Amino acid sequence: CYGTAEELGFIMNTPKPFFLVKMCNAFTTVPAQFYLQPHIKYHAWDDFSKWTATTPLPVGLLETILAALHAAETGAPEAHPPPNLPRSNPQPLSLADEFRREHAQILQ
């Protein structure tokens, strides 16, 4: 049986990009403190205490994730947001809903 420490170790040792949404003030476990040191890029979700599965994503979070994915796939520097997304428009609700539908199992 694997726990979250083993899962985190696996993620960090797999040559695959990841995006951290930090929903806490500080990591309390040693593996998290070891692997997720301050140099790891992350998005801080400040109002995480009231989070539920139906809470809207913070404005710009989805675009930031997509920009990081675009940069990882192309090797290009991160653009915020990537070229195919509007720059002045906040995150469209339909895009967030689509993201939630596609990742419903993870969000549960």
C-alpha atoms as a PDB file:
ATOM      1  CA  CYS A   1       0.000   0.000   0.000  1.00  0.00           C
ATOM      2  CA  TYR A   2       1.305   3.437  -0.906  1.00  0.00           C
ATOM      3  CA  GLY A   3       0.765   6.662   0.985  1.00  0.00           C
ATOM      4  CA  THR A   4       0.971  10.276  -0.070  1.00  0.00           C
ATOM      5  CA  ALA A   5       4.710  10.440   0.766  1.00  0.00           C
ATOM      6  CA  GLU A   6       5.425   7.650  -1.730  1.00  0.00           C
ATOM      7  CA  GLU A   7       3.138   9.229  -4.308  1.00  0.00           C
ATOM      8  CA  LEU A   8       4.887  12.585  -3.924  1.00  0.00           C
ATOM      9  CA  GLY A   9       8.295  10.908  -4.233  1.00  0.00           C
ATOM     10  CA  PHE A  10       7.149   9.172  -7.403  1.00  0.00           C
ATOM     11  CA  ILE A  11       5.860  12.426  -8.906  1.00  0.00           C
ATOM     12  CA  MET A  12       9.059  14.290  -8.083  1.00  0.00           C
ATOM     13  CA  ASN A  13      11.278  11.528  -9.492  1.00  0.00           C
ATOM     14  CA  THR A  14       9.333  11.111 -12.723  1.00  0.00           C
ATOM     15  CA  PRO A  15      10.610  13.221 -15.619  1.00  0.00           C
ATOM     16  CA  LYS A  16       7.222  14.744 -16.272  1.00  0.00           C
ATOM     17  CA  PRO A  17       6.154  18.333 -15.645  1.00  0.00           C
ATOM     18  CA  PHE A  18       3.752  19.054 -12.827  1.00  0.00           C
ATOM     19  CA  PHE A  19       2.019  22.139 -11.497  1.00  0.00           C
ATOM     20  CA  LEU A  20       1.639  22.712  -7.767  1.00  0.00           C
ATOM     21  CA  VAL A  21      -1.389  24.522  -6.411  1.00  0.00           C
ATOM     22  CA  LYS A  22      -0.386  25.211  -2.824  1.00  0.00           C
ATOM     23  CA  MET A  23      -3.471  25.212  -0.606  1.00  0.00           C
ATOM     24  CA  CYS A  24      -1.741  25.551   2.771  1.00  0.00           C
ATOM     25  CA  ASN A  25       0.434  28.067   4.571  1.00  0.00           C
ATOM     26  CA  ALA A  26       3.246  25.580   5.226  1.00  0.00           C
ATOM     27  CA  PHE A  27       3.957  21.916   4.565  1.00  0.00           C
ATOM     28  CA  THR A  28       3.862  19.915   7.784  1.00  0.00           C
ATOM     29  CA  THR A  29       5.254  16.555   6.689  1.00  0.00           C
ATOM     30  CA  VAL A  30       8.949  15.903   6.145  1.00  0.00           C
ATOM     31  CA  PRO A  31       8.538  14.440   2.609  1.00  0.00           C
ATOM     32  CA  ALA A  32       6.535  17.488   1.492  1.00  0.00           C
ATOM     33  CA  GLN A  33       9.109  19.849   3.019  1.00  0.00           C
ATOM     34  CA  PHE A  34      11.915  17.883   1.347  1.00  0.00           C
ATOM     35  CA  TYR A  35      10.435  17.644  -2.135  1.00  0.00           C
ATOM     36  CA  LEU A  36       8.491  20.914  -2.300  1.00  0.00           C
ATOM     37  CA  GLN A  37      11.197  23.359  -1.340  1.00  0.00           C
ATOM     38  CA  PRO A  38      10.757  27.101  -1.929  1.00  0.00           C
ATOM     39  CA  HIS A  39      12.409  27.007  -5.382  1.00  0.00           C
ATOM     40  CA  ILE A  40       9.540  24.880  -6.750  1.00  0.00           C
ATOM     41  CA  LYS A  41       7.171  27.069  -8.743  1.00  0.00           C
ATOM     42  CA  TYR A  42       3.623  27.071  -7.434  1.00  0.00           C
ATOM     43  CA  HIS A  43       0.385  28.984  -7.384  1.00  0.00           C
ATOM     44  CA  ALA A  44      -0.727  29.959  -3.880  1.00  0.00           C
ATOM     45  CA  TRP A  45      -4.454  29.516  -3.351  1.00  0.00           C
ATOM     46  CA  ASP A  46      -4.875  31.940  -0.476  1.00  0.00           C
ATOM     47  CA  ASP A  47      -8.511  31.285   0.434  1.00  0.00           C
ATOM     48  CA  PHE A  48      -8.167  27.499   0.571  1.00  0.00           C
ATOM     49  CA  SER A  49      -9.929  27.091   3.930  1.00  0.00           C
ATOM     50  CA  LYS A  50     -13.366  27.374   2.314  1.00  0.00           C
ATOM     51  CA  TRP A  51     -12.590  25.128  -0.681  1.00  0.00           C
ATOM     52  CA  THR A  52     -15.141  22.569  -1.861  1.00  0.00           C
ATOM     53  CA  ALA A  53     -15.470  20.663  -5.119  1.00  0.00           C
ATOM     54  CA  THR A  54     -17.812  23.380  -6.412  1.00  0.00           C
ATOM     55  CA  THR A  55     -15.608  26.344  -5.491  1.00  0.00           C
ATOM     56  CA  PRO A  56     -14.677  28.326  -8.621  1.00  0.00           C
ATOM     57  CA  LEU A  57     -11.016  28.309  -9.542  1.00  0.00           C
ATOM     58  CA  PRO A  58      -9.159  31.509  -8.685  1.00  0.00           C
ATOM     59  CA  VAL A  59      -9.129  33.927 -11.616  1.00  0.00           C
ATOM     60  CA  GLY A  60      -6.168  33.201 -13.851  1.00  0.00           C
ATOM     61  CA  LEU A  61      -5.245  29.828 -12.324  1.00  0.00           C
ATOM     62  CA  LEU A  62      -6.316  27.748 -15.306  1.00  0.00           C
ATOM     63  CA  GLU A  63      -4.510  30.084 -17.709  1.00  0.00           C
ATOM     64  CA  THR A  64      -1.355  29.842 -15.571  1.00  0.00           C
ATOM     65  CA  ILE A  65      -1.533  26.030 -15.600  1.00  0.00           C
ATOM     66  CA  LEU A  66      -2.042  26.013 -19.374  1.00  0.00           C
ATOM     67  CA  ALA A  67       0.873  28.430 -19.833  1.00  0.00           C
ATOM     68  CA  ALA A  68       3.139  26.146 -17.791  1.00  0.00           C
ATOM     69  CA  LEU A  69       1.973  23.117 -19.799  1.00  0.00           C
ATOM     70  CA  HIS A  70       2.557  24.983 -23.060  1.00  0.00           C
ATOM     71  CA  ALA A  71       6.076  25.918 -21.932  1.00  0.00           C
ATOM     72  CA  ALA A  72       6.816  22.335 -20.870  1.00  0.00           C
ATOM     73  CA  GLU A  73       5.565  20.905 -24.163  1.00  0.00           C
ATOM     74  CA  THR A  74       7.354  23.378 -26.429  1.00  0.00           C
ATOM     75  CA  GLY A  75      10.415  24.290 -24.367  1.00  0.00           C
ATOM     76  CA  ALA A  76       9.454  27.930 -24.888  1.00  0.00           C
ATOM     77  CA  PRO A  77       9.526  30.413 -22.022  1.00  0.00           C
ATOM     78  CA  GLU A  78       6.245  30.622 -20.156  1.00  0.00           C
ATOM     79  CA  ALA A  79       3.810  33.168 -21.493  1.00  0.00           C
ATOM     80  CA  HIS A  80       0.995  34.254 -19.233  1.00  0.00           C
ATOM     81  CA  PRO A  81      -1.398  33.175 -20.680  1.00  0.00           C
ATOM     82  CA  PRO A  82      -0.241  31.047 -23.638  1.00  0.00           C
ATOM     83  CA  PRO A  83      -0.712  32.592 -27.090  1.00  0.00           C
ATOM     84  CA  ASN A  84      -4.038  30.869 -27.838  1.00  0.00           C
ATOM     85  CA  LEU A  85      -5.829  32.367 -24.803  1.00  0.00           C
ATOM     86  CA  PRO A  86      -7.115  35.928 -24.474  1.00  0.00           C
ATOM     87  CA  ARG A  87      -4.852  38.124 -22.371  1.00  0.00           C
ATOM     88  CA  SER A  88      -7.335  40.601 -20.969  1.00  0.00           C
ATOM     89  CA  ASN A  89     -10.277  38.314 -20.301  1.00  0.00           C
ATOM     90  CA  PRO A  90     -10.444  36.542 -16.915  1.00  0.00           C
ATOM     91  CA  GLN A  91     -10.855  32.785 -16.875  1.00  0.00           C
ATOM     92  CA  PRO A  92     -14.039  31.866 -18.739  1.00  0.00           C
ATOM     93  CA  LEU A  93     -16.430  29.875 -16.596  1.00  0.00           C
ATOM     94  CA  SER A  94     -17.026  27.369 -19.391  1.00  0.00           C
ATOM     95  CA  LEU A  95     -13.297  26.566 -19.511  1.00  0.00           C
ATOM     96  CA  ALA A  96     -13.242  26.005 -15.748  1.00  0.00           C
ATOM     97  CA  ASP A  97     -16.334  23.810 -15.984  1.00  0.00           C
ATOM     98  CA  GLU A  98     -14.721  21.786 -18.772  1.00  0.00           C
ATOM     99  CA  PHE A  99     -11.587  21.353 -16.643  1.00  0.00           C
ATOM    100  CA  ARG A 100     -13.687  20.147 -13.692  1.00  0.00           C
ATOM    101  CA  ARG A 101     -15.595  17.658 -15.884  1.00  0.00           C
ATOM    102  CA  GLU A 102     -12.392  16.227 -17.337  1.00  0.00           C
ATOM    103  CA  HIS A 103     -10.765  15.918 -13.915  1.00  0.00           C
ATOM    104  CA  ALA A 104     -13.794  15.043 -11.784  1.00  0.00           C
ATOM    105  CA  GLN A 105     -12.175  11.907 -10.342  1.00  0.00           C
ATOM    106  CA  ILE A 106      -9.123  13.847  -9.140  1.00  0.00           C
ATOM    107  CA  LEU A 107     -11.216  16.622  -7.625  1.00  0.00           C
ATOM    108  CA  GLN A 108     -13.298  14.256  -5.493  1.00  0.00           C
END
